Protein backbone atom coordinates (compact mmCIF):
# COMPACT_ATOMS: atom_id res chain seq x y z
CA MET A 1 -91.96 -99.95 10.77
CA SER A 2 -93.55 -99.66 14.23
CA ASP A 3 -96.43 -97.28 14.92
CA PHE A 4 -94.07 -95.33 17.18
CA MET A 5 -91.62 -94.77 14.32
CA LYS A 6 -94.44 -93.93 11.89
CA ASP A 7 -95.61 -91.19 14.26
CA ALA A 8 -92.06 -89.85 14.36
CA VAL A 9 -91.79 -89.72 10.57
CA ARG A 10 -95.17 -88.03 10.18
CA GLY A 11 -94.23 -85.50 12.81
CA LEU A 12 -90.96 -84.69 11.13
CA LYS A 13 -92.59 -84.10 7.76
CA LYS A 14 -95.00 -81.66 9.37
CA PHE A 15 -92.67 -79.75 11.65
CA PHE A 16 -89.08 -80.09 10.38
CA GLN A 17 -88.46 -76.81 8.55
CA PRO A 18 -85.37 -75.58 6.63
CA ARG A 19 -82.75 -74.04 8.89
CA PRO A 20 -81.60 -70.41 8.67
CA GLN A 21 -78.19 -69.85 7.12
CA TYR A 22 -77.18 -67.16 9.61
CA ILE A 23 -78.06 -66.97 13.26
CA THR A 24 -77.39 -65.00 16.43
CA ARG A 25 -77.28 -66.96 19.64
CA SER A 26 -75.85 -67.06 23.13
CA VAL A 27 -73.32 -69.64 24.23
CA GLY A 28 -71.60 -70.53 27.47
CA CYS A 29 -72.75 -69.66 30.97
CA GLU A 30 -73.75 -66.30 32.40
CA GLY A 31 -70.70 -64.06 32.36
CA GLY A 32 -69.02 -66.24 29.75
CA GLU A 33 -68.68 -65.65 26.03
CA ARG A 34 -70.98 -62.90 24.80
CA SER A 35 -73.69 -63.34 22.22
CA LEU A 36 -72.11 -63.93 18.84
CA ALA A 37 -73.39 -63.37 15.32
CA LEU A 38 -72.15 -65.65 12.57
CA THR A 39 -71.48 -63.53 9.52
CA GLY A 40 -68.87 -65.51 7.60
CA THR A 41 -67.64 -68.96 6.81
CA ALA A 42 -63.85 -68.59 7.06
CA LEU A 43 -62.17 -71.19 9.24
CA PRO A 44 -60.03 -69.94 12.14
CA GLU A 45 -56.30 -70.45 11.91
CA LYS A 46 -56.26 -72.59 15.09
CA MET A 47 -58.44 -75.63 14.44
CA PRO A 48 -59.01 -78.54 16.86
CA ARG A 49 -57.60 -81.92 15.90
CA HIS A 50 -60.26 -83.84 17.83
CA VAL A 51 -63.82 -82.68 18.55
CA ALA A 52 -66.24 -84.51 20.85
CA ILE A 53 -69.95 -83.73 20.88
CA ILE A 54 -72.66 -84.60 23.39
CA MET A 55 -75.74 -84.42 21.17
CA ASP A 56 -78.33 -83.26 23.70
CA GLY A 57 -81.83 -81.85 23.34
CA ASN A 58 -83.61 -84.24 20.96
CA GLY A 59 -86.41 -84.94 23.43
CA ARG A 60 -87.02 -81.29 24.25
CA TRP A 61 -87.00 -80.40 20.56
CA ALA A 62 -89.79 -82.91 19.97
CA THR A 63 -91.79 -82.02 23.08
CA ARG A 64 -91.88 -78.34 22.15
CA ARG A 65 -93.47 -79.35 18.84
CA GLY A 66 -95.96 -81.78 20.32
CA LEU A 67 -94.12 -84.76 18.82
CA PRO A 68 -92.99 -88.09 20.27
CA ARG A 69 -89.40 -88.16 21.51
CA SER A 70 -88.54 -90.52 18.65
CA ALA A 71 -89.18 -87.63 16.23
CA GLY A 72 -86.51 -85.64 18.01
CA HIS A 73 -84.02 -88.48 17.67
CA ALA A 74 -84.83 -88.79 13.96
CA ALA A 75 -84.30 -85.04 13.51
CA GLY A 76 -81.05 -85.32 15.43
CA THR A 77 -79.84 -87.92 12.96
CA GLU A 78 -80.39 -85.42 10.16
CA ALA A 79 -78.32 -82.84 12.03
CA LEU A 80 -75.55 -85.37 12.60
CA ARG A 81 -75.20 -86.09 8.89
CA ASP A 82 -74.20 -82.51 8.08
CA ILE A 83 -71.91 -82.16 11.11
CA ILE A 84 -69.94 -85.24 10.03
CA ARG A 85 -69.65 -83.83 6.52
CA ALA A 86 -68.49 -80.47 7.88
CA THR A 87 -65.89 -82.14 10.10
CA ASP A 88 -64.53 -83.98 7.09
CA ASP A 89 -64.68 -80.89 4.86
CA TRP A 90 -62.71 -78.85 7.39
CA GLY A 91 -59.92 -81.41 7.80
CA ILE A 92 -60.49 -82.20 11.47
CA GLU A 93 -58.75 -85.47 12.32
CA ALA A 94 -61.27 -87.04 14.72
CA LEU A 95 -64.90 -86.60 15.73
CA THR A 96 -66.39 -88.46 18.69
CA ILE A 97 -70.16 -88.38 19.17
CA TYR A 98 -72.10 -89.56 22.21
CA ALA A 99 -74.92 -91.61 20.69
CA PHE A 100 -76.10 -93.97 23.45
CA SER A 101 -74.80 -94.39 26.99
CA THR A 102 -74.97 -97.42 29.26
CA GLU A 103 -77.50 -95.44 31.33
CA ASN A 104 -79.80 -94.87 28.35
CA TRP A 105 -81.10 -98.44 28.56
CA SER A 106 -83.25 -97.23 31.48
CA ARG A 107 -85.34 -95.03 29.17
CA GLY A 108 -88.81 -96.10 28.05
CA LYS A 109 -89.01 -99.25 25.96
CA ASP A 110 -90.55 -97.45 22.97
CA GLU A 111 -87.83 -94.80 22.97
CA VAL A 112 -85.02 -97.36 23.20
CA GLN A 113 -86.56 -99.37 20.36
CA ALA A 114 -86.82 -96.22 18.25
CA LEU A 115 -83.18 -95.40 18.93
CA MET A 116 -82.08 -98.90 17.97
CA GLY A 117 -84.13 -98.69 14.79
CA LEU A 118 -82.57 -95.34 13.88
CA LEU A 119 -79.15 -96.81 14.47
CA LEU A 120 -79.73 -99.55 11.89
CA LYS A 121 -81.26 -97.08 9.45
CA TYR A 122 -78.31 -94.73 9.83
CA PHE A 123 -75.66 -97.34 9.09
CA ASN A 124 -77.62 -98.74 6.15
CA SER A 125 -78.06 -95.31 4.58
CA GLU A 126 -74.69 -93.70 5.38
CA ILE A 127 -72.05 -96.42 5.24
CA ASP A 128 -71.47 -96.13 1.47
CA GLU A 129 -70.80 -92.39 1.62
CA LEU A 130 -68.63 -92.67 4.73
CA ASP A 131 -66.55 -95.41 3.15
CA GLU A 132 -66.21 -93.50 -0.13
CA LYS A 133 -64.96 -90.47 1.80
CA ASN A 134 -62.27 -92.60 3.48
CA VAL A 135 -63.87 -92.24 6.94
CA ARG A 136 -62.81 -94.82 9.51
CA ILE A 137 -65.52 -95.80 11.99
CA THR A 138 -64.69 -96.89 15.53
CA ILE A 139 -67.34 -97.86 18.06
CA LEU A 140 -66.56 -96.84 21.64
CA GLY A 141 -68.39 -99.01 24.11
CA ASP A 142 -69.64 -102.53 24.71
CA VAL A 143 -70.53 -103.70 21.21
CA GLN A 144 -71.18 -107.25 22.43
CA GLY A 145 -73.90 -105.93 24.74
CA MET A 146 -75.94 -104.52 21.85
CA PRO A 147 -78.92 -106.36 20.30
CA SER A 148 -77.83 -108.79 17.57
CA PRO A 149 -78.91 -106.79 14.48
CA GLN A 150 -77.24 -103.63 15.76
CA LYS A 151 -74.14 -105.52 16.89
CA GLU A 152 -73.72 -107.07 13.45
CA ALA A 153 -74.17 -103.71 11.72
CA LEU A 154 -71.56 -102.08 13.96
CA ILE A 155 -69.03 -104.84 13.41
CA ARG A 156 -69.56 -104.71 9.63
CA ALA A 157 -69.06 -100.94 9.63
CA MET A 158 -65.79 -101.18 11.56
CA GLU A 159 -64.51 -104.00 9.37
CA ARG A 160 -65.47 -102.25 6.13
CA THR A 161 -63.82 -98.95 7.06
CA GLY A 162 -61.00 -100.32 9.20
CA LYS A 163 -58.25 -99.53 6.69
CA ASN A 164 -59.50 -96.07 5.77
CA THR A 165 -57.10 -93.21 6.53
CA GLY A 166 -59.36 -90.14 6.62
CA LEU A 167 -61.58 -88.76 9.36
CA ARG A 168 -61.72 -90.92 12.48
CA LEU A 169 -65.42 -91.11 13.35
CA ASN A 170 -65.85 -92.47 16.86
CA ILE A 171 -69.41 -93.36 17.84
CA ALA A 172 -69.96 -93.93 21.56
CA LEU A 173 -72.65 -96.61 21.84
CA ASN A 174 -73.48 -98.54 24.98
CA TYR A 175 -70.65 -96.43 26.39
CA GLY A 176 -69.73 -95.32 29.89
CA GLY A 177 -66.57 -93.39 30.67
CA ARG A 178 -65.93 -95.02 34.04
CA ALA A 179 -66.50 -98.45 32.52
CA GLU A 180 -63.89 -97.64 29.87
CA LEU A 181 -61.35 -96.78 32.58
CA VAL A 182 -62.13 -99.96 34.52
CA ARG A 183 -61.74 -101.97 31.30
CA ALA A 184 -58.31 -100.43 30.71
CA ALA A 185 -57.22 -101.04 34.31
CA LYS A 186 -58.28 -104.69 34.16
CA SER A 187 -56.36 -105.19 30.92
CA LEU A 188 -53.18 -103.76 32.41
CA ALA A 189 -53.63 -105.77 35.62
CA THR A 190 -53.95 -108.96 33.57
CA GLN A 191 -50.78 -108.12 31.63
CA VAL A 192 -48.89 -107.57 34.90
CA ALA A 193 -50.21 -110.85 36.35
CA GLU A 194 -49.08 -112.69 33.21
CA GLY A 195 -45.62 -111.15 33.43
CA LYS A 196 -45.96 -109.26 30.14
CA ILE A 197 -45.34 -105.87 31.74
CA ARG A 198 -44.14 -104.57 35.12
CA PRO A 199 -46.19 -102.22 37.32
CA GLU A 200 -43.60 -99.51 36.75
CA ASP A 201 -44.21 -99.80 33.00
CA ILE A 202 -47.69 -98.36 33.44
CA THR A 203 -47.54 -94.70 32.45
CA GLU A 204 -50.19 -92.29 31.25
CA GLU A 205 -49.16 -93.08 27.69
CA ARG A 206 -49.40 -96.83 28.29
CA PHE A 207 -52.77 -96.46 29.97
CA GLY A 208 -54.04 -94.46 27.01
CA GLN A 209 -53.17 -97.35 24.71
CA GLU A 210 -55.81 -99.47 26.45
CA LEU A 211 -58.64 -97.01 25.74
CA TYR A 212 -61.05 -97.21 22.81
CA THR A 213 -59.40 -94.12 21.33
CA ALA A 214 -55.85 -95.54 21.36
CA GLY A 215 -53.65 -93.88 18.76
CA GLN A 216 -55.83 -90.79 18.46
CA PRO A 217 -55.15 -87.31 19.85
CA ASP A 218 -56.89 -86.26 23.05
CA VAL A 219 -60.04 -84.19 22.68
CA ASP A 220 -59.31 -80.50 22.01
CA LEU A 221 -62.91 -79.25 21.93
CA LEU A 222 -65.94 -80.70 23.69
CA ILE A 223 -69.34 -79.35 22.65
CA ARG A 224 -72.56 -80.09 24.50
CA THR A 225 -75.78 -78.80 23.01
CA SER A 226 -79.08 -77.82 24.69
CA GLY A 227 -77.46 -75.71 27.43
CA GLU A 228 -76.76 -78.53 29.89
CA MET A 229 -73.37 -78.19 31.62
CA ARG A 230 -72.07 -81.61 32.56
CA LEU A 231 -70.02 -84.41 30.99
CA SER A 232 -72.44 -87.25 31.75
CA ASN A 233 -69.72 -89.90 32.04
CA PHE A 234 -68.34 -89.07 28.58
CA LEU A 235 -64.61 -89.46 27.82
CA PRO A 236 -63.30 -88.55 31.32
CA TRP A 237 -59.69 -89.40 30.36
CA GLN A 238 -59.62 -87.98 26.85
CA THR A 239 -61.18 -84.63 27.84
CA ALA A 240 -58.74 -83.87 30.67
CA TYR A 241 -57.56 -80.67 28.96
CA ALA A 242 -60.36 -80.13 26.47
CA GLU A 243 -61.87 -76.71 25.94
CA MET A 244 -65.62 -76.93 26.58
CA VAL A 245 -68.45 -75.06 24.91
CA PHE A 246 -71.96 -75.49 26.29
CA ASP A 247 -74.18 -74.43 23.42
CA SER A 248 -77.82 -73.55 24.11
CA THR A 249 -78.96 -74.85 20.69
CA LEU A 250 -81.02 -78.05 20.79
CA TRP A 251 -79.22 -80.75 18.81
CA PRO A 252 -81.74 -81.09 15.92
CA ASP A 253 -81.29 -77.35 15.26
CA PHE A 254 -77.50 -77.51 15.38
CA THR A 255 -76.04 -76.60 11.99
CA ARG A 256 -72.53 -76.35 10.59
CA GLN A 257 -72.87 -72.61 11.21
CA ASN A 258 -73.35 -73.28 14.93
CA TYR A 259 -70.47 -75.72 14.76
CA LEU A 260 -68.16 -73.19 13.15
CA GLU A 261 -68.99 -70.56 15.75
CA ASP A 262 -68.19 -73.00 18.57
CA ILE A 263 -64.87 -73.76 16.88
CA ARG A 264 -64.18 -70.02 16.72
CA ILE A 265 -64.78 -69.81 20.46
CA TYR A 266 -62.27 -72.63 20.90
CA ALA A 267 -59.77 -70.81 18.69
CA SER A 268 -60.13 -67.62 20.75
CA ARG A 269 -59.14 -69.30 24.00
CA ASP A 270 -55.65 -69.39 25.49
CA ARG A 271 -54.77 -73.04 26.13
CA ARG A 272 -52.07 -73.41 28.81
CA PHE A 273 -52.46 -77.08 29.83
CA GLY A 274 -51.89 -76.22 33.49
CA GLY A 275 -48.90 -73.97 32.85
CA VAL A 276 -48.44 -70.22 32.71
CA LYS A 277 -47.21 -68.50 29.57
CA THR A 278 -44.28 -66.13 29.80
CA GLY A 279 -45.38 -62.64 30.78
CA LYS A 280 -48.75 -63.76 32.13
């Protein structure tokens, strides 16, 4: 283990405290949803089929505690474990998490190395449970562009869980939304050039079949933690009609209670998909 990772572990042991079971917090932008208190655990009747999460705020969480950024990423991994379990417990079909973008390679060398190390540690420690729970793992992004140890771990995880029929866990790694669209366009252009399809055969449905998420429902609910309000090149096609919740909680502090409250916000909204309901 590198000195950088050892510092992160020591920091976590000192500062990572048990989370409260009930919280009051503010979500959305000014003038948006009011402050909400979580006082129960009942699931809303209208649940999303596909949730996407931008796990933001690890660095700020660590900085506020005087810890290296790697400690924040390690704490974020702990938060992720429970969110995946909650998603599975609640019967949501698909969960897509933004773990590492193509732009993240520009971060400091130590931080990138720490992230890559956490990635290997996560798959080594979690793959048995995920497989036992019938979770199917799909990696969204350029797997071949990952370092060899990580690439091999990702491929093994997809192969091992490829026939599972439960929760679809999509992990965006070395991912860029625009790059995904370009990849799909090139694939369709090649098929046209080879005479396999005609240009007029290219529909929205056909285009969607070329994306990493082919065969899965579009995103119903997008959550971004830490209060930032942007998509950051994440799933531009799949989130076309997603409901968005910008949660002020830093990702390492995000619990299944936070998650449930954000789902309740989703359930309270009137989804019209560009149309107008009768009488409105």
